[in-house]
Amino acid sequence: MPGPKDLDPSSSPRALLGAELRHAREKAGLSQEELGGRLFVSGSYIGQLEAGTRRMQPEYARMLDEVLGVDFFLRNCRAAAKSEYPEHFAEAAEAEARATAIREYAPTLIPGLLQTPAYAEAVFIAHQPTTPTPEIDALVEARMERTKLLSDPTKPSLWVVLDEAALRRTTGGPAVMAEALRHITEMVRHRRVIAQVLPFTGGAHTLMGGAVKLMTFTDAPRLVYFEGPGTGRLEDDPATVARYELAYDLLAASALAPRDSLALIEQVAEDYTHGDQP
């Protein structure tokens, strides 16, 4: 009997890889938990691979080939892993694209999904000051491609808590900041985004360690993504996810109400427009 073929490059490699994993697992008579035990990972991780919300790493692909008695996953996982994003963020970006709900805390920057081209360019230049312009342009293009997730009028739902520092740190100049903040207010007024501001007066809070993104899916366990300068980690441990969900809820409770947050964002945008110190 012929073995599984290579993935069809005209289809979604991640989805096909997940479907093949589900087929091979069920053919072997293994549950997700049983297969996860063979790989020393959780059953939920196997479920995320099958749903296409997690990237299959080569070391796990090799182990899957061995456990399931096939010659398929290692050959095909690299095609499914191709991404224009940095390695530390690629898996999170791919999960983000499949999420039904996203909650994000942004301590110093406007979140990528809400950035304008000019703001994104200023961020990339600041992070990579010696990078040639064509490479910066490619990074901006990739980020703007991510923002198309919000072109759907209903999904994913996006709820962000912006630290006041993200509003007042002049990134790219006053005109760039005014445009960036007005873009957020437009998204809020069109009921596409829920935005709150955590004011400086709020003092210490539950997520002072850095940026956090929580993602919910219809067909896979929830995920949390932590990010720092040049690094990031995606986590599916239920206890860890639950802990950060509680931390986010407490953070949101400390933030300004959505209506007051909108008023503050609009006021800071006006300050930038008129050249006043925000």
C-alpha atoms as a PDB file:
ATOM      1  CA  MET A   1       0.000   0.000   0.000  1.00  0.00           C
ATOM      2  CA  PRO A   2       1.490   3.393  -0.960  1.00  0.00           C
ATOM      3  CA  GLY A   3       2.431   5.734   1.865  1.00  0.00           C
ATOM      4  CA  PRO A   4       1.228   9.312   2.311  1.00  0.00           C
ATOM      5  CA  LYS A   5       2.167  11.767  -0.415  1.00  0.00           C
ATOM      6  CA  ASP A   6       3.906  15.084   0.019  1.00  0.00           C
ATOM      7  CA  LEU A   7       1.716  18.050   0.854  1.00  0.00           C
ATOM      8  CA  ASP A   8       0.015  19.855  -2.019  1.00  0.00           C
ATOM      9  CA  PRO A   9       1.712  23.303  -2.106  1.00  0.00           C
ATOM     10  CA  SER A  10      -1.486  24.828  -3.533  1.00  0.00           C
ATOM     11  CA  SER A  11      -3.348  24.030  -0.311  1.00  0.00           C
ATOM     12  CA  SER A  12      -2.698  25.193   3.247  1.00  0.00           C
ATOM     13  CA  PRO A  13       0.347  23.140   4.343  1.00  0.00           C
ATOM     14  CA  ARG A  14      -0.470  23.604   8.013  1.00  0.00           C
ATOM     15  CA  ALA A  15      -4.049  22.376   7.622  1.00  0.00           C
ATOM     16  CA  LEU A  16      -3.069  19.393   5.504  1.00  0.00           C
ATOM     17  CA  LEU A  17      -0.284  18.436   7.884  1.00  0.00           C
ATOM     18  CA  GLY A  18      -2.765  18.524  10.769  1.00  0.00           C
ATOM     19  CA  ALA A  19      -5.322  16.475   8.855  1.00  0.00           C
ATOM     20  CA  GLU A  20      -2.699  13.860   8.024  1.00  0.00           C
ATOM     21  CA  LEU A  21      -1.646  13.703  11.666  1.00  0.00           C
ATOM     22  CA  ARG A  22      -5.230  13.127  12.779  1.00  0.00           C
ATOM     23  CA  HIS A  23      -5.662  10.398  10.154  1.00  0.00           C
ATOM     24  CA  ALA A  24      -2.418   8.659  11.102  1.00  0.00           C
ATOM     25  CA  ARG A  25      -3.163   8.890  14.839  1.00  0.00           C
ATOM     26  CA  GLU A  26      -6.651   7.450  14.479  1.00  0.00           C
ATOM     27  CA  LYS A  27      -5.370   4.697  12.177  1.00  0.00           C
ATOM     28  CA  ALA A  28      -2.864   3.774  14.895  1.00  0.00           C
ATOM     29  CA  GLY A  29      -5.694   3.618  17.424  1.00  0.00           C
ATOM     30  CA  LEU A  30      -4.222   6.336  19.663  1.00  0.00           C
ATOM     31  CA  SER A  31      -5.999   9.159  21.464  1.00  0.00           C
ATOM     32  CA  GLN A  32      -4.473  12.627  21.512  1.00  0.00           C
ATOM     33  CA  GLU A  33      -3.391  12.047  25.112  1.00  0.00           C
ATOM     34  CA  GLU A  34      -1.809   8.689  24.264  1.00  0.00           C
ATOM     35  CA  LEU A  35       0.111  10.087  21.322  1.00  0.00           C
ATOM     36  CA  GLY A  36       1.158  13.107  23.361  1.00  0.00           C
ATOM     37  CA  GLY A  37       2.518  10.776  26.025  1.00  0.00           C
ATOM     38  CA  ARG A  38       4.745   9.083  23.443  1.00  0.00           C
ATOM     39  CA  LEU A  39       6.176  12.499  22.520  1.00  0.00           C
ATOM     40  CA  PHE A  40       6.311  13.799  26.115  1.00  0.00           C
ATOM     41  CA  VAL A  41       3.829  16.574  25.299  1.00  0.00           C
ATOM     42  CA  SER A  42       0.216  17.176  26.297  1.00  0.00           C
ATOM     43  CA  GLY A  43      -2.785  15.833  24.436  1.00  0.00           C
ATOM     44  CA  SER A  44      -3.876  19.424  23.882  1.00  0.00           C
ATOM     45  CA  TYR A  45      -0.609  20.065  22.027  1.00  0.00           C
ATOM     46  CA  ILE A  46      -1.431  17.197  19.654  1.00  0.00           C
ATOM     47  CA  GLY A  47      -4.893  18.701  19.216  1.00  0.00           C
ATOM     48  CA  GLN A  48      -3.367  22.051  18.301  1.00  0.00           C
ATOM     49  CA  LEU A  49      -1.098  20.397  15.733  1.00  0.00           C
ATOM     50  CA  GLU A  50      -4.099  18.652  14.215  1.00  0.00           C
ATOM     51  CA  ALA A  51      -6.108  21.887  14.172  1.00  0.00           C
ATOM     52  CA  GLY A  52      -3.205  23.771  12.605  1.00  0.00           C
ATOM     53  CA  THR A  53      -2.860  26.267  15.446  1.00  0.00           C
ATOM     54  CA  ARG A  54       0.638  25.109  16.390  1.00  0.00           C
ATOM     55  CA  ARG A  55       3.712  24.769  14.224  1.00  0.00           C
ATOM     56  CA  MET A  56       5.123  21.268  13.968  1.00  0.00           C
ATOM     57  CA  GLN A  57       8.791  21.391  14.940  1.00  0.00           C
ATOM     58  CA  PRO A  58      11.231  19.028  13.150  1.00  0.00           C
ATOM     59  CA  GLU A  59      12.104  17.128  16.339  1.00  0.00           C
ATOM     60  CA  TYR A  60       8.444  16.290  16.920  1.00  0.00           C
ATOM     61  CA  ALA A  61       7.929  15.487  13.238  1.00  0.00           C
ATOM     62  CA  ARG A  62      10.736  12.921  13.450  1.00  0.00           C
ATOM     63  CA  MET A  63       9.216  11.374  16.572  1.00  0.00           C
ATOM     64  CA  LEU A  64       5.770  11.244  14.945  1.00  0.00           C
ATOM     65  CA  ASP A  65       7.217   9.386  11.976  1.00  0.00           C
ATOM     66  CA  GLU A  66       8.756   6.854  14.363  1.00  0.00           C
ATOM     67  CA  VAL A  67       5.704   6.419  16.607  1.00  0.00           C
ATOM     68  CA  LEU A  68       3.162   6.259  13.783  1.00  0.00           C
ATOM     69  CA  GLY A  69       5.336   4.194  11.436  1.00  0.00           C
ATOM     70  CA  VAL A  70       5.274   6.607   8.511  1.00  0.00           C
ATOM     71  CA  ASP A  71       7.751   8.591   6.446  1.00  0.00           C
ATOM     72  CA  PHE A  72       5.846  11.820   6.086  1.00  0.00           C
ATOM     73  CA  PHE A  73       5.966  14.424   8.839  1.00  0.00           C
ATOM     74  CA  LEU A  74       9.670  15.271   8.842  1.00  0.00           C
ATOM     75  CA  ARG A  75       9.620  15.585   5.051  1.00  0.00           C
ATOM     76  CA  ASN A  76       6.695  17.964   5.085  1.00  0.00           C
ATOM     77  CA  CYS A  77       6.933  19.998   8.286  1.00  0.00           C
ATOM     78  CA  ARG A  78       9.463  22.454   6.855  1.00  0.00           C
ATOM     79  CA  ALA A  79       7.092  23.446   4.040  1.00  0.00           C
ATOM     80  CA  ALA A  80       4.354  24.064   6.586  1.00  0.00           C
ATOM     81  CA  ALA A  81       6.701  26.111   8.781  1.00  0.00           C
ATOM     82  CA  LYS A  82       7.672  28.739   6.206  1.00  0.00           C
ATOM     83  CA  SER A  83       6.869  32.229   7.465  1.00  0.00           C
ATOM     84  CA  GLU A  84       7.782  35.845   6.833  1.00  0.00           C
ATOM     85  CA  TYR A  85       7.813  36.523  10.579  1.00  0.00           C
ATOM     86  CA  PRO A  86      10.753  36.223  13.007  1.00  0.00           C
ATOM     87  CA  GLU A  87      11.151  32.721  14.399  1.00  0.00           C
ATOM     88  CA  HIS A  88      10.092  33.723  17.923  1.00  0.00           C
ATOM     89  CA  PHE A  89       6.814  35.215  16.645  1.00  0.00           C
ATOM     90  CA  ALA A  90       5.938  33.069  13.623  1.00  0.00           C
ATOM     91  CA  GLU A  91       3.944  30.451  15.522  1.00  0.00           C
ATOM     92  CA  ALA A  92       2.047  33.103  17.477  1.00  0.00           C
ATOM     93  CA  ALA A  93       1.166  34.972  14.264  1.00  0.00           C
ATOM     94  CA  GLU A  94      -0.149  31.785  12.706  1.00  0.00           C
ATOM     95  CA  ALA A  95      -2.228  31.014  15.800  1.00  0.00           C
ATOM     96  CA  GLU A  96      -3.494  34.608  15.839  1.00  0.00           C
ATOM     97  CA  ALA A  97      -4.840  34.164  12.310  1.00  0.00           C
ATOM     98  CA  ARG A  98      -7.005  31.241  13.502  1.00  0.00           C
ATOM     99  CA  ALA A  99      -8.198  32.737  16.772  1.00  0.00           C
ATOM    100  CA  THR A 100     -11.831  33.627  17.361  1.00  0.00           C
ATOM    101  CA  ALA A 101     -10.987  35.998  20.228  1.00  0.00           C
ATOM    102  CA  ILE A 102      -7.790  37.874  21.110  1.00  0.00           C
ATOM    103  CA  ARG A 103      -7.056  39.801  24.295  1.00  0.00           C
ATOM    104  CA  GLU A 104      -3.812  41.731  24.412  1.00  0.00           C
ATOM    105  CA  TYR A 105      -1.952  43.974  26.827  1.00  0.00           C
ATOM    106  CA  ALA A 106       0.482  46.413  25.224  1.00  0.00           C
ATOM    107  CA  PRO A 107       2.897  48.035  27.707  1.00  0.00           C
ATOM    108  CA  THR A 108       4.939  50.288  25.406  1.00  0.00           C
ATOM    109  CA  LEU A 109       3.726  49.920  21.815  1.00  0.00           C
ATOM    110  CA  ILE A 110       0.453  49.979  19.929  1.00  0.00           C
ATOM    111  CA  PRO A 111      -0.300  46.295  19.152  1.00  0.00           C
ATOM    112  CA  GLY A 112       0.664  45.127  15.681  1.00  0.00           C
ATOM    113  CA  LEU A 113      -2.933  44.460  14.615  1.00  0.00           C
ATOM    114  CA  LEU A 114      -3.763  48.134  15.244  1.00  0.00           C
ATOM    115  CA  GLN A 115      -0.653  49.764  13.793  1.00  0.00           C
ATOM    116  CA  THR A 116      -0.603  52.079  10.783  1.00  0.00           C
ATOM    117  CA  PRO A 117       2.132  51.727   8.107  1.00  0.00           C
ATOM    118  CA  ALA A 118       3.959  54.870   9.277  1.00  0.00           C
ATOM    119  CA  TYR A 119       3.896  53.779  12.920  1.00  0.00           C
ATOM    120  CA  ALA A 120       5.073  50.257  12.035  1.00  0.00           C
ATOM    121  CA  GLU A 121       7.920  51.692   9.949  1.00  0.00           C
ATOM    122  CA  ALA A 122       9.050  53.873  12.859  1.00  0.00           C
ATOM    123  CA  VAL A 123       9.003  50.857  15.195  1.00  0.00           C
ATOM    124  CA  PHE A 124      11.034  48.674  12.831  1.00  0.00           C
ATOM    125  CA  ILE A 125      13.604  51.403  12.176  1.00  0.00           C
ATOM    126  CA  ALA A 126      14.000  51.946  15.920  1.00  0.00           C
ATOM    127  CA  HIS A 127      14.475  48.209  16.514  1.00  0.00           C
ATOM    128  CA  GLN A 128      16.776  47.675  13.527  1.00  0.00           C
ATOM    129  CA  PRO A 129      18.467  51.009  12.777  1.00  0.00           C
ATOM    130  CA  THR A 130      21.015  49.577  10.310  1.00  0.00           C
ATOM    131  CA  THR A 131      18.533  47.521   8.281  1.00  0.00           C
ATOM    132  CA  PRO A 132      18.274  48.563   4.599  1.00  0.00           C
ATOM    133  CA  THR A 133      15.080  50.287   3.498  1.00  0.00           C
ATOM    134  CA  PRO A 134      13.841  47.403   1.274  1.00  0.00           C
ATOM    135  CA  GLU A 135      13.970  45.051   4.262  1.00  0.00           C
ATOM    136  CA  ILE A 136      12.131  47.546   6.450  1.00  0.00           C
ATOM    137  CA  ASP A 137       9.506  47.904   3.720  1.00  0.00           C
ATOM    138  CA  ALA A 138       9.071  44.114   3.647  1.00  0.00           C
ATOM    139  CA  LEU A 139       8.598  44.020   7.416  1.00  0.00           C
ATOM    140  CA  VAL A 140       5.993  46.786   7.254  1.00  0.00           C
ATOM    141  CA  GLU A 141       4.179  44.969   4.447  1.00  0.00           C
ATOM    142  CA  ALA A 142       4.070  41.760   6.521  1.00  0.00           C
ATOM    143  CA  ARG A 143       2.704  43.645   9.506  1.00  0.00           C
ATOM    144  CA  MET A 144       0.030  45.333   7.420  1.00  0.00           C
ATOM    145  CA  GLU A 145      -0.915  41.924   6.042  1.00  0.00           C
ATOM    146  CA  ARG A 146      -1.596  40.842   9.626  1.00  0.00           C
ATOM    147  CA  THR A 147      -3.954  43.786  10.162  1.00  0.00           C
ATOM    148  CA  LYS A 148      -6.247  42.379   7.450  1.00  0.00           C
ATOM    149  CA  LEU A 149      -7.505  39.987  10.115  1.00  0.00           C
ATOM    150  CA  LEU A 150      -9.663  42.881  11.263  1.00  0.00           C
ATOM    151  CA  SER A 151     -11.236  43.410   7.838  1.00  0.00           C
ATOM    152  CA  ASP A 152     -13.854  40.831   8.806  1.00  0.00           C
ATOM    153  CA  PRO A 153     -16.596  42.746  10.650  1.00  0.00           C
ATOM    154  CA  THR A 154     -16.991  40.221  13.450  1.00  0.00           C
ATOM    155  CA  LYS A 155     -13.992  37.942  13.952  1.00  0.00           C
ATOM    156  CA  PRO A 156     -11.671  37.681  15.600  1.00  0.00           C
ATOM    157  CA  SER A 157     -12.961  39.786  18.464  1.00  0.00           C
ATOM    158  CA  LEU A 158     -10.128  41.996  19.709  1.00  0.00           C
ATOM    159  CA  TRP A 159      -9.868  43.506  23.179  1.00  0.00           C
ATOM    160  CA  VAL A 160      -6.727  45.470  23.969  1.00  0.00           C
ATOM    161  CA  VAL A 161      -5.505  47.176  27.098  1.00  0.00           C
ATOM    162  CA  LEU A 162      -3.022  49.905  26.196  1.00  0.00           C
ATOM    163  CA  ASP A 163      -0.657  51.210  28.806  1.00  0.00           C
ATOM    164  CA  GLU A 164      -0.688  55.002  28.860  1.00  0.00           C
ATOM    165  CA  ALA A 165       2.998  54.818  27.929  1.00  0.00           C
ATOM    166  CA  ALA A 166       2.020  53.412  24.507  1.00  0.00           C
ATOM    167  CA  LEU A 167       0.026  56.592  23.850  1.00  0.00           C
ATOM    168  CA  ARG A 168       2.561  59.107  25.099  1.00  0.00           C
ATOM    169  CA  ARG A 169       5.839  57.720  23.757  1.00  0.00           C
ATOM    170  CA  THR A 170       6.267  59.699  20.547  1.00  0.00           C
ATOM    171  CA  THR A 171       7.076  57.049  17.944  1.00  0.00           C
ATOM    172  CA  GLY A 172       7.810  58.415  14.484  1.00  0.00           C
ATOM    173  CA  GLY A 173       6.902  61.984  15.412  1.00  0.00           C
ATOM    174  CA  PRO A 174       3.682  63.809  16.391  1.00  0.00           C
ATOM    175  CA  ALA A 175       1.991  63.378  12.997  1.00  0.00           C
ATOM    176  CA  VAL A 176       2.611  59.634  12.980  1.00  0.00           C
ATOM    177  CA  MET A 177       1.268  59.311  16.511  1.00  0.00           C
ATOM    178  CA  ALA A 178      -1.821  61.401  15.773  1.00  0.00           C
ATOM    179  CA  GLU A 179      -2.618  59.188  12.786  1.00  0.00           C
ATOM    180  CA  ALA A 180      -1.956  55.997  14.757  1.00  0.00           C
ATOM    181  CA  LEU A 181      -4.206  56.989  17.651  1.00  0.00           C
ATOM    182  CA  ARG A 182      -6.993  58.166  15.366  1.00  0.00           C
ATOM    183  CA  HIS A 183      -6.872  54.803  13.649  1.00  0.00           C
ATOM    184  CA  ILE A 184      -7.541  53.154  17.017  1.00  0.00           C
ATOM    185  CA  THR A 185     -10.432  55.491  17.759  1.00  0.00           C
ATOM    186  CA  GLU A 186     -11.971  54.738  14.359  1.00  0.00           C
ATOM    187  CA  MET A 187     -11.766  51.004  15.041  1.00  0.00           C
ATOM    188  CA  VAL A 188     -13.395  51.542  18.427  1.00  0.00           C
ATOM    189  CA  ARG A 189     -16.165  53.758  17.054  1.00  0.00           C
ATOM    190  CA  HIS A 190     -16.908  51.166  14.377  1.00  0.00           C
ATOM    191  CA  ARG A 191     -17.251  48.612  17.198  1.00  0.00           C
ATOM    192  CA  ARG A 192     -14.505  46.475  15.713  1.00  0.00           C
ATOM    193  CA  VAL A 193     -12.215  46.724  18.736  1.00  0.00           C
ATOM    194  CA  ILE A 194     -12.614  47.129  22.479  1.00  0.00           C
ATOM    195  CA  ALA A 195      -9.826  49.350  23.813  1.00  0.00           C
ATOM    196  CA  GLN A 196      -9.012  50.374  27.360  1.00  0.00           C
ATOM    197  CA  VAL A 197      -6.180  52.498  28.670  1.00  0.00           C
ATOM    198  CA  LEU A 198      -4.292  51.640  31.833  1.00  0.00           C
ATOM    199  CA  PRO A 199      -3.360  55.077  33.234  1.00  0.00           C
ATOM    200  CA  PHE A 200      -0.087  55.884  34.957  1.00  0.00           C
ATOM    201  CA  THR A 201      -2.113  56.619  38.077  1.00  0.00           C
ATOM    202  CA  GLY A 202      -3.092  52.951  38.198  1.00  0.00           C
ATOM    203  CA  GLY A 203       0.294  52.142  39.707  1.00  0.00           C
ATOM    204  CA  ALA A 204       1.597  48.576  39.926  1.00  0.00           C
ATOM    205  CA  HIS A 205      -0.460  45.900  38.172  1.00  0.00           C
ATOM    206  CA  THR A 206      -0.638  42.204  37.351  1.00  0.00           C
ATOM    207  CA  LEU A 207       1.167  42.269  33.991  1.00  0.00           C
ATOM    208  CA  MET A 208       4.182  44.471  34.638  1.00  0.00           C
ATOM    209  CA  GLY A 209       6.441  41.750  33.199  1.00  0.00           C
ATOM    210  CA  GLY A 210       5.681  42.639  29.583  1.00  0.00           C
ATOM    211  CA  ALA A 211       3.322  42.174  26.644  1.00  0.00           C
ATOM    212  CA  VAL A 212       0.788  39.347  26.794  1.00  0.00           C
ATOM    213  CA  LYS A 213      -1.607  38.014  24.153  1.00  0.00           C
ATOM    214  CA  LEU A 214      -4.402  35.547  24.994  1.00  0.00           C
ATOM    215  CA  MET A 215      -6.036  33.611  22.146  1.00  0.00           C
ATOM    216  CA  THR A 216      -9.216  31.525  22.035  1.00  0.00           C
ATOM    217  CA  PHE A 217     -10.164  29.019  19.308  1.00  0.00           C
ATOM    218  CA  THR A 218     -13.258  27.057  18.353  1.00  0.00           C
ATOM    219  CA  ASP A 219     -11.413  23.787  17.763  1.00  0.00           C
ATOM    220  CA  ALA A 220      -8.286  23.943  19.923  1.00  0.00           C
ATOM    221  CA  PRO A 221      -7.225  24.794  23.492  1.00  0.00           C
ATOM    222  CA  ARG A 222      -6.538  28.400  24.450  1.00  0.00           C
ATOM    223  CA  LEU A 223      -3.039  29.870  24.165  1.00  0.00           C
ATOM    224  CA  VAL A 224      -1.047  32.637  25.795  1.00  0.00           C
ATOM    225  CA  TYR A 225       1.887  34.381  24.130  1.00  0.00           C
ATOM    226  CA  PHE A 226       4.506  36.310  26.102  1.00  0.00           C
ATOM    227  CA  GLU A 227       6.809  38.728  24.319  1.00  0.00           C
ATOM    228  CA  GLY A 228       9.942  40.673  25.161  1.00  0.00           C
ATOM    229  CA  PRO A 229      12.617  42.430  23.067  1.00  0.00           C
ATOM    230  CA  GLY A 230      13.582  39.980  20.324  1.00  0.00           C
ATOM    231  CA  THR A 231      12.016  36.998  22.063  1.00  0.00           C
ATOM    232  CA  GLY A 232       8.672  35.365  22.700  1.00  0.00           C
ATOM    233  CA  ARG A 233       7.039  32.138  23.848  1.00  0.00           C
ATOM    234  CA  LEU A 234       3.722  30.454  23.091  1.00  0.00           C
ATOM    235  CA  GLU A 235       2.263  28.448  25.986  1.00  0.00           C
ATOM    236  CA  ASP A 236      -0.654  25.992  26.052  1.00  0.00           C
ATOM    237  CA  ASP A 237      -0.469  24.714  29.622  1.00  0.00           C
ATOM    238  CA  PRO A 238      -4.061  25.136  30.907  1.00  0.00           C
ATOM    239  CA  ALA A 239      -2.980  26.291  34.372  1.00  0.00           C
ATOM    240  CA  THR A 240      -0.629  28.888  32.881  1.00  0.00           C
ATOM    241  CA  VAL A 241      -3.265  30.137  30.454  1.00  0.00           C
ATOM    242  CA  ALA A 242      -5.835  30.375  33.258  1.00  0.00           C
ATOM    243  CA  ARG A 243      -3.392  32.308  35.447  1.00  0.00           C
ATOM    244  CA  TYR A 244      -2.798  34.895  32.733  1.00  0.00           C
ATOM    245  CA  GLU A 245      -6.493  35.142  31.925  1.00  0.00           C
ATOM    246  CA  LEU A 246      -7.118  36.077  35.546  1.00  0.00           C
ATOM    247  CA  ALA A 247      -4.212  38.548  35.420  1.00  0.00           C
ATOM    248  CA  TYR A 248      -5.720  40.129  32.296  1.00  0.00           C
ATOM    249  CA  ASP A 249      -9.150  40.408  33.892  1.00  0.00           C
ATOM    250  CA  LEU A 250      -7.649  42.129  36.925  1.00  0.00           C
ATOM    251  CA  LEU A 251      -5.664  44.437  34.647  1.00  0.00           C
ATOM    252  CA  ALA A 252      -8.792  45.397  32.707  1.00  0.00           C
ATOM    253  CA  ALA A 253     -10.592  46.083  35.978  1.00  0.00           C
ATOM    254  CA  SER A 254      -7.826  48.567  36.866  1.00  0.00           C
ATOM    255  CA  ALA A 255      -7.961  50.287  33.466  1.00  0.00           C
ATOM    256  CA  LEU A 256     -10.217  53.152  32.442  1.00  0.00           C
ATOM    257  CA  ALA A 257     -13.677  52.239  31.198  1.00  0.00           C
ATOM    258  CA  PRO A 258     -13.921  51.938  27.377  1.00  0.00           C
ATOM    259  CA  ARG A 259     -15.737  55.283  27.043  1.00  0.00           C
ATOM    260  CA  ASP A 260     -13.179  57.112  29.181  1.00  0.00           C
ATOM    261  CA  SER A 261     -10.356  55.336  27.373  1.00  0.00           C
ATOM    262  CA  LEU A 262     -11.690  56.512  24.012  1.00  0.00           C
ATOM    263  CA  ALA A 263     -11.867  60.079  25.285  1.00  0.00           C
ATOM    264  CA  LEU A 264      -8.266  59.920  26.494  1.00  0.00           C
ATOM    265  CA  ILE A 265      -6.963  58.463  23.229  1.00  0.00           C
ATOM    266  CA  GLU A 266      -8.773  61.183  21.283  1.00  0.00           C
ATOM    267  CA  GLN A 267      -7.390  63.889  23.557  1.00  0.00           C
ATOM    268  CA  VAL A 268      -3.809  62.646  23.190  1.00  0.00           C
ATOM    269  CA  ALA A 269      -4.278  62.486  19.397  1.00  0.00           C
ATOM    270  CA  GLU A 270      -5.443  66.124  19.461  1.00  0.00           C
ATOM    271  CA  ASP A 271      -2.406  67.094  21.521  1.00  0.00           C
ATOM    272  CA  TYR A 272      -0.125  65.523  18.930  1.00  0.00           C
ATOM    273  CA  THR A 273      -1.999  67.270  16.098  1.00  0.00           C
ATOM    274  CA  HIS A 274      -1.535  70.704  17.676  1.00  0.00           C
ATOM    275  CA  GLY A 275       2.063  70.142  18.639  1.00  0.00           C
ATOM    276  CA  ASP A 276       1.358  70.066  22.366  1.00  0.00           C
ATOM    277  CA  GLN A 277       3.280  67.750  24.639  1.00  0.00           C
ATOM    278  CA  PRO A 278       0.905  64.786  25.158  1.00  0.00           C
END
